[in-house]
Amino acid sequence: MYSPSTITVYQAYTPGIALPAVRDGRFPPAWKRDRMTWIKPSFLWMMYRCGWGAKEGQETVLAVEITREGFEWALRNACLSHFVPELHGDQTEWKRRLSRAPARVQWDPERDLHLRPLPHRSLQLGLAGEAARRYADEWTVSITDVTPLAHAMHAHVRNGDLPAARALLPAERVYPEPEEGLPHLHR
């Protein structure tokens, strides 16, 4: 989901990290700014990753609204998480780029309401170093607890009421590629 100035991404944390983040609208000091953090623009991919908010350590699902400017900075400065000979030349060059990049991109199968893989890919964006600090301290516009939404959708899926689950799904559409393009991220 995105607007002219923001994009919503999803993450899941323990309540000890997530609830202060929601309360304060920013990540608390306990959130480690020096480690890699993965953000997901796809709600269903996040549900796959966190088991509808049931996996240990991922019980609280957050919708984090960040600036599109920050998101696109991360994309421009990212490296693919896997080696592609046509893009990287050789593995040594790719490893060098990967080690220096403040962000990395991984393309994984998108998920349906049963969390089964779909034939198209969804972006996972890993942020480290400068990108993680900017995400937490500059790009974040708002943080919302969407755990109740995840649980409600999951209940509908378990009960076989896919139309009701689908009606709750956040509106998502393909994100437009920035004007300058992102050829370094094509798989």
C-alpha atoms as a PDB file:
ATOM      1  CA  MET A   1       0.000   0.000   0.000  1.00  0.00           C
ATOM      2  CA  TYR A   2       1.429   3.380  -0.903  1.00  0.00           C
ATOM      3  CA  SER A   3       0.432   7.014  -1.195  1.00  0.00           C
ATOM      4  CA  PRO A   4       2.149   9.842  -3.078  1.00  0.00           C
ATOM      5  CA  SER A   5       4.589  10.294  -0.165  1.00  0.00           C
ATOM      6  CA  THR A   6       4.646   7.027   1.836  1.00  0.00           C
ATOM      7  CA  ILE A   7       4.684   3.247   1.523  1.00  0.00           C
ATOM      8  CA  THR A   8       3.526   0.745   4.135  1.00  0.00           C
ATOM      9  CA  VAL A   9       5.817  -2.144   4.989  1.00  0.00           C
ATOM     10  CA  TYR A  10       5.343  -4.909   7.529  1.00  0.00           C
ATOM     11  CA  GLN A  11       7.439  -6.420  10.294  1.00  0.00           C
ATOM     12  CA  ALA A  12       6.730  -8.630  13.310  1.00  0.00           C
ATOM     13  CA  TYR A  13       8.363  -8.427  16.717  1.00  0.00           C
ATOM     14  CA  THR A  14       7.975  -9.438  20.332  1.00  0.00           C
ATOM     15  CA  PRO A  15       5.535  -7.257  22.272  1.00  0.00           C
ATOM     16  CA  GLY A  16       8.530  -5.806  24.157  1.00  0.00           C
ATOM     17  CA  ILE A  17       9.759  -4.142  20.955  1.00  0.00           C
ATOM     18  CA  ALA A  18       6.486  -3.665  19.092  1.00  0.00           C
ATOM     19  CA  LEU A  19       4.230  -2.153  21.745  1.00  0.00           C
ATOM     20  CA  PRO A  20       6.614   0.702  22.687  1.00  0.00           C
ATOM     21  CA  ALA A  21       7.129   1.338  18.941  1.00  0.00           C
ATOM     22  CA  VAL A  22       3.376   1.660  18.426  1.00  0.00           C
ATOM     23  CA  ARG A  23       2.953   3.798  21.538  1.00  0.00           C
ATOM     24  CA  ASP A  24       5.785   6.193  20.657  1.00  0.00           C
ATOM     25  CA  GLY A  25       5.543   6.093  16.860  1.00  0.00           C
ATOM     26  CA  ARG A  26       9.220   5.165  16.639  1.00  0.00           C
ATOM     27  CA  PHE A  27      11.377   2.159  17.369  1.00  0.00           C
ATOM     28  CA  PRO A  28      12.575   1.995  20.988  1.00  0.00           C
ATOM     29  CA  PRO A  29      16.229   1.854  22.076  1.00  0.00           C
ATOM     30  CA  ALA A  30      15.875  -1.940  22.480  1.00  0.00           C
ATOM     31  CA  TRP A  31      15.420  -2.153  18.680  1.00  0.00           C
ATOM     32  CA  LYS A  32      18.939  -2.849  17.413  1.00  0.00           C
ATOM     33  CA  ARG A  33      19.903  -0.263  14.809  1.00  0.00           C
ATOM     34  CA  ASP A  34      23.169  -2.067  14.089  1.00  0.00           C
ATOM     35  CA  ARG A  35      21.689  -5.324  12.799  1.00  0.00           C
ATOM     36  CA  MET A  36      19.940  -6.288   9.576  1.00  0.00           C
ATOM     37  CA  THR A  37      16.182  -5.778   9.593  1.00  0.00           C
ATOM     38  CA  TRP A  38      13.886  -7.045   6.828  1.00  0.00           C
ATOM     39  CA  ILE A  39      10.839  -5.089   5.722  1.00  0.00           C
ATOM     40  CA  LYS A  40       8.079  -6.536   3.578  1.00  0.00           C
ATOM     41  CA  PRO A  41       5.672  -4.482   1.452  1.00  0.00           C
ATOM     42  CA  SER A  42       3.399  -7.540   1.133  1.00  0.00           C
ATOM     43  CA  PHE A  43       0.960  -8.208   3.986  1.00  0.00           C
ATOM     44  CA  LEU A  44       0.468 -11.861   3.029  1.00  0.00           C
ATOM     45  CA  TRP A  45       4.201 -12.480   2.746  1.00  0.00           C
ATOM     46  CA  MET A  46       4.522 -11.092   6.274  1.00  0.00           C
ATOM     47  CA  MET A  47       1.753 -13.455   7.400  1.00  0.00           C
ATOM     48  CA  TYR A  48       3.694 -16.341   5.875  1.00  0.00           C
ATOM     49  CA  ARG A  49       6.857 -15.235   7.662  1.00  0.00           C
ATOM     50  CA  CYS A  50       5.268 -14.698  11.093  1.00  0.00           C
ATOM     51  CA  GLY A  51       2.600 -17.409  10.959  1.00  0.00           C
ATOM     52  CA  TRP A  52      -0.256 -14.913  11.267  1.00  0.00           C
ATOM     53  CA  GLY A  53       1.464 -13.455  14.352  1.00  0.00           C
ATOM     54  CA  ALA A  54       1.755 -16.831  16.089  1.00  0.00           C
ATOM     55  CA  LYS A  55       5.505 -17.522  15.771  1.00  0.00           C
ATOM     56  CA  GLU A  56       7.590 -16.974  18.863  1.00  0.00           C
ATOM     57  CA  GLY A  57       9.317 -13.615  18.725  1.00  0.00           C
ATOM     58  CA  GLN A  58       6.925 -12.406  16.012  1.00  0.00           C
ATOM     59  CA  GLU A  59       3.679 -12.177  17.970  1.00  0.00           C
ATOM     60  CA  THR A  60       3.015  -8.514  17.218  1.00  0.00           C
ATOM     61  CA  VAL A  61       2.616  -7.519  13.576  1.00  0.00           C
ATOM     62  CA  LEU A  62       3.376  -3.930  12.655  1.00  0.00           C
ATOM     63  CA  ALA A  63       2.411  -1.825   9.658  1.00  0.00           C
ATOM     64  CA  VAL A  64       5.203   0.715   9.347  1.00  0.00           C
ATOM     65  CA  GLU A  65       4.506   3.682   7.124  1.00  0.00           C
ATOM     66  CA  ILE A  66       7.768   5.080   5.754  1.00  0.00           C
ATOM     67  CA  THR A  67       8.642   7.776   3.266  1.00  0.00           C
ATOM     68  CA  ARG A  68       8.810   6.758  -0.351  1.00  0.00           C
ATOM     69  CA  GLU A  69      11.964   8.854  -0.567  1.00  0.00           C
ATOM     70  CA  GLY A  70      13.612   6.602   2.042  1.00  0.00           C
ATOM     71  CA  PHE A  71      12.270   3.405   0.481  1.00  0.00           C
ATOM     72  CA  GLU A  72      13.606   4.408  -2.929  1.00  0.00           C
ATOM     73  CA  TRP A  73      16.966   5.412  -1.418  1.00  0.00           C
ATOM     74  CA  ALA A  74      17.215   1.884   0.007  1.00  0.00           C
ATOM     75  CA  LEU A  75      16.344   0.362  -3.386  1.00  0.00           C
ATOM     76  CA  ARG A  76      18.892   2.523  -5.216  1.00  0.00           C
ATOM     77  CA  ASN A  77      21.590   1.511  -2.726  1.00  0.00           C
ATOM     78  CA  ALA A  78      20.662  -2.159  -2.496  1.00  0.00           C
ATOM     79  CA  CYS A  79      22.356  -5.245  -3.828  1.00  0.00           C
ATOM     80  CA  LEU A  80      20.593  -8.465  -4.743  1.00  0.00           C
ATOM     81  CA  SER A  81      20.968 -11.081  -2.025  1.00  0.00           C
ATOM     82  CA  HIS A  82      21.853 -13.694  -4.635  1.00  0.00           C
ATOM     83  CA  PHE A  83      24.451 -13.838  -7.396  1.00  0.00           C
ATOM     84  CA  VAL A  84      23.290 -13.134 -10.964  1.00  0.00           C
ATOM     85  CA  PRO A  85      26.140 -13.506 -13.488  1.00  0.00           C
ATOM     86  CA  GLU A  86      24.590 -11.055 -15.988  1.00  0.00           C
ATOM     87  CA  LEU A  87      24.455  -8.320 -13.328  1.00  0.00           C
ATOM     88  CA  HIS A  88      27.478  -8.971 -11.164  1.00  0.00           C
ATOM     89  CA  GLY A  89      30.131 -10.333 -13.511  1.00  0.00           C
ATOM     90  CA  ASP A  90      31.678 -12.719 -11.049  1.00  0.00           C
ATOM     91  CA  GLN A  91      30.995 -13.907  -7.527  1.00  0.00           C
ATOM     92  CA  THR A  92      33.875 -11.922  -6.058  1.00  0.00           C
ATOM     93  CA  GLU A  93      32.437  -8.675  -7.430  1.00  0.00           C
ATOM     94  CA  TRP A  94      28.946  -9.568  -6.172  1.00  0.00           C
ATOM     95  CA  LYS A  95      30.270 -10.412  -2.681  1.00  0.00           C
ATOM     96  CA  ARG A  96      32.149  -7.095  -2.608  1.00  0.00           C
ATOM     97  CA  ARG A  97      28.998  -5.168  -3.565  1.00  0.00           C
ATOM     98  CA  LEU A  98      26.878  -7.123  -1.105  1.00  0.00           C
ATOM     99  CA  SER A  99      29.259  -6.467   1.798  1.00  0.00           C
ATOM    100  CA  ARG A 100      29.253  -2.709   1.097  1.00  0.00           C
ATOM    101  CA  ALA A 101      25.547  -2.255   0.369  1.00  0.00           C
ATOM    102  CA  PRO A 102      23.398  -0.787   3.176  1.00  0.00           C
ATOM    103  CA  ALA A 103      20.412  -2.697   1.779  1.00  0.00           C
ATOM    104  CA  ARG A 104      19.756  -5.987   0.040  1.00  0.00           C
ATOM    105  CA  VAL A 105      16.877  -7.219  -2.049  1.00  0.00           C
ATOM    106  CA  GLN A 106      15.453 -10.693  -2.085  1.00  0.00           C
ATOM    107  CA  TRP A 107      12.639 -11.774  -4.424  1.00  0.00           C
ATOM    108  CA  ASP A 108      10.462 -14.516  -2.924  1.00  0.00           C
ATOM    109  CA  PRO A 109       7.211 -16.090  -4.124  1.00  0.00           C
ATOM    110  CA  GLU A 110       4.184 -14.017  -3.143  1.00  0.00           C
ATOM    111  CA  ARG A 111       1.612 -15.859  -1.004  1.00  0.00           C
ATOM    112  CA  ASP A 112      -2.127 -16.490  -1.200  1.00  0.00           C
ATOM    113  CA  LEU A 113      -4.569 -16.509   1.731  1.00  0.00           C
ATOM    114  CA  HIS A 114      -3.531 -20.083   2.561  1.00  0.00           C
ATOM    115  CA  LEU A 115       0.087 -18.824   2.497  1.00  0.00           C
ATOM    116  CA  ARG A 116       0.882 -21.044  -0.476  1.00  0.00           C
ATOM    117  CA  PRO A 117       3.394 -19.704  -3.021  1.00  0.00           C
ATOM    118  CA  LEU A 118       2.091 -17.850  -6.055  1.00  0.00           C
ATOM    119  CA  PRO A 119       3.858 -17.683  -9.436  1.00  0.00           C
ATOM    120  CA  HIS A 120       4.903 -14.046  -9.028  1.00  0.00           C
ATOM    121  CA  ARG A 121       7.536 -12.589  -6.720  1.00  0.00           C
ATOM    122  CA  SER A 122       7.378 -10.248  -3.763  1.00  0.00           C
ATOM    123  CA  LEU A 123      10.112  -7.920  -2.552  1.00  0.00           C
ATOM    124  CA  GLN A 124      11.867  -8.412   0.773  1.00  0.00           C
ATOM    125  CA  LEU A 125      14.151  -5.494   1.619  1.00  0.00           C
ATOM    126  CA  GLY A 126      16.944  -5.995   4.136  1.00  0.00           C
ATOM    127  CA  LEU A 127      18.297  -2.871   5.801  1.00  0.00           C
ATOM    128  CA  ALA A 128      21.634  -2.699   7.606  1.00  0.00           C
ATOM    129  CA  GLY A 129      23.958  -0.009   8.902  1.00  0.00           C
ATOM    130  CA  GLU A 130      23.043   3.406   7.533  1.00  0.00           C
ATOM    131  CA  ALA A 131      19.804   2.116   5.983  1.00  0.00           C
ATOM    132  CA  ALA A 132      18.578   0.556   9.257  1.00  0.00           C
ATOM    133  CA  ARG A 133      19.355   3.743  11.186  1.00  0.00           C
ATOM    134  CA  ARG A 134      17.619   5.923   8.585  1.00  0.00           C
ATOM    135  CA  TYR A 135      14.613   3.591   8.555  1.00  0.00           C
ATOM    136  CA  ALA A 136      14.206   3.798  12.316  1.00  0.00           C
ATOM    137  CA  ASP A 137      15.110   7.439  12.870  1.00  0.00           C
ATOM    138  CA  GLU A 138      14.263   9.335   9.660  1.00  0.00           C
ATOM    139  CA  TRP A 139      11.959   7.442   7.295  1.00  0.00           C
ATOM    140  CA  THR A 140       9.341   6.155   9.739  1.00  0.00           C
ATOM    141  CA  VAL A 141       6.139   8.202   9.583  1.00  0.00           C
ATOM    142  CA  SER A 142       3.853   5.975  11.697  1.00  0.00           C
ATOM    143  CA  ILE A 143       3.724   2.526  13.280  1.00  0.00           C
ATOM    144  CA  THR A 144       0.441   0.647  13.710  1.00  0.00           C
ATOM    145  CA  ASP A 145      -0.272  -2.658  15.430  1.00  0.00           C
ATOM    146  CA  VAL A 146      -2.114  -4.797  12.870  1.00  0.00           C
ATOM    147  CA  THR A 147      -2.030  -7.993  14.924  1.00  0.00           C
ATOM    148  CA  PRO A 148      -5.832  -7.956  15.437  1.00  0.00           C
ATOM    149  CA  LEU A 149      -6.259  -7.712  11.653  1.00  0.00           C
ATOM    150  CA  ALA A 150      -3.883 -10.656  11.136  1.00  0.00           C
ATOM    151  CA  HIS A 151      -5.768 -12.753  13.685  1.00  0.00           C
ATOM    152  CA  ALA A 152      -9.181 -11.857  12.222  1.00  0.00           C
ATOM    153  CA  MET A 153      -8.053 -12.739   8.706  1.00  0.00           C
ATOM    154  CA  HIS A 154      -6.524 -15.984   9.889  1.00  0.00           C
ATOM    155  CA  ALA A 155      -9.768 -16.933  11.670  1.00  0.00           C
ATOM    156  CA  HIS A 156     -11.698 -16.394   8.422  1.00  0.00           C
ATOM    157  CA  VAL A 157      -9.176 -18.499   6.477  1.00  0.00           C
ATOM    158  CA  ARG A 158      -9.346 -21.305   9.062  1.00  0.00           C
ATOM    159  CA  ASN A 159     -13.154 -21.213   8.844  1.00  0.00           C
ATOM    160  CA  GLY A 160     -13.054 -21.386   5.045  1.00  0.00           C
ATOM    161  CA  ASP A 161     -14.513 -17.902   4.588  1.00  0.00           C
ATOM    162  CA  LEU A 162     -12.013 -16.608   2.032  1.00  0.00           C
ATOM    163  CA  PRO A 163     -14.262 -13.744   0.831  1.00  0.00           C
ATOM    164  CA  ALA A 164     -14.366 -12.369   4.400  1.00  0.00           C
ATOM    165  CA  ALA A 165     -10.581 -12.738   4.741  1.00  0.00           C
ATOM    166  CA  ARG A 166     -10.021 -11.114   1.338  1.00  0.00           C
ATOM    167  CA  ALA A 167     -12.259  -8.184   2.315  1.00  0.00           C
ATOM    168  CA  LEU A 168      -9.901  -7.423   5.230  1.00  0.00           C
ATOM    169  CA  LEU A 169      -6.718  -7.628   3.155  1.00  0.00           C
ATOM    170  CA  PRO A 170      -4.940  -4.276   2.934  1.00  0.00           C
ATOM    171  CA  ALA A 171      -5.149  -2.784  -0.562  1.00  0.00           C
ATOM    172  CA  GLU A 172      -1.871  -3.459  -2.353  1.00  0.00           C
ATOM    173  CA  ARG A 173      -0.807  -2.704  -5.882  1.00  0.00           C
ATOM    174  CA  VAL A 174       2.438  -3.005  -7.800  1.00  0.00           C
ATOM    175  CA  TYR A 175       4.880  -0.313  -6.747  1.00  0.00           C
ATOM    176  CA  PRO A 176       6.048   1.812  -9.691  1.00  0.00           C
ATOM    177  CA  GLU A 177       9.703   1.561 -10.561  1.00  0.00           C
ATOM    178  CA  PRO A 178      11.450   4.914  -9.984  1.00  0.00           C
ATOM    179  CA  GLU A 179      12.098   6.991 -13.119  1.00  0.00           C
ATOM    180  CA  GLU A 180      15.837   6.273 -13.078  1.00  0.00           C
ATOM    181  CA  GLY A 181      15.066   2.553 -13.025  1.00  0.00           C
ATOM    182  CA  LEU A 182      16.554  -0.206 -10.890  1.00  0.00           C
ATOM    183  CA  PRO A 183      18.407  -2.465 -13.331  1.00  0.00           C
ATOM    184  CA  HIS A 184      20.718  -3.691 -10.551  1.00  0.00           C
ATOM    185  CA  LEU A 185      17.741  -5.364  -8.826  1.00  0.00           C
ATOM    186  CA  HIS A 186      16.241  -7.284 -11.715  1.00  0.00           C
ATOM    187  CA  ARG A 187      16.622 -10.997 -11.153  1.00  0.00           C
END
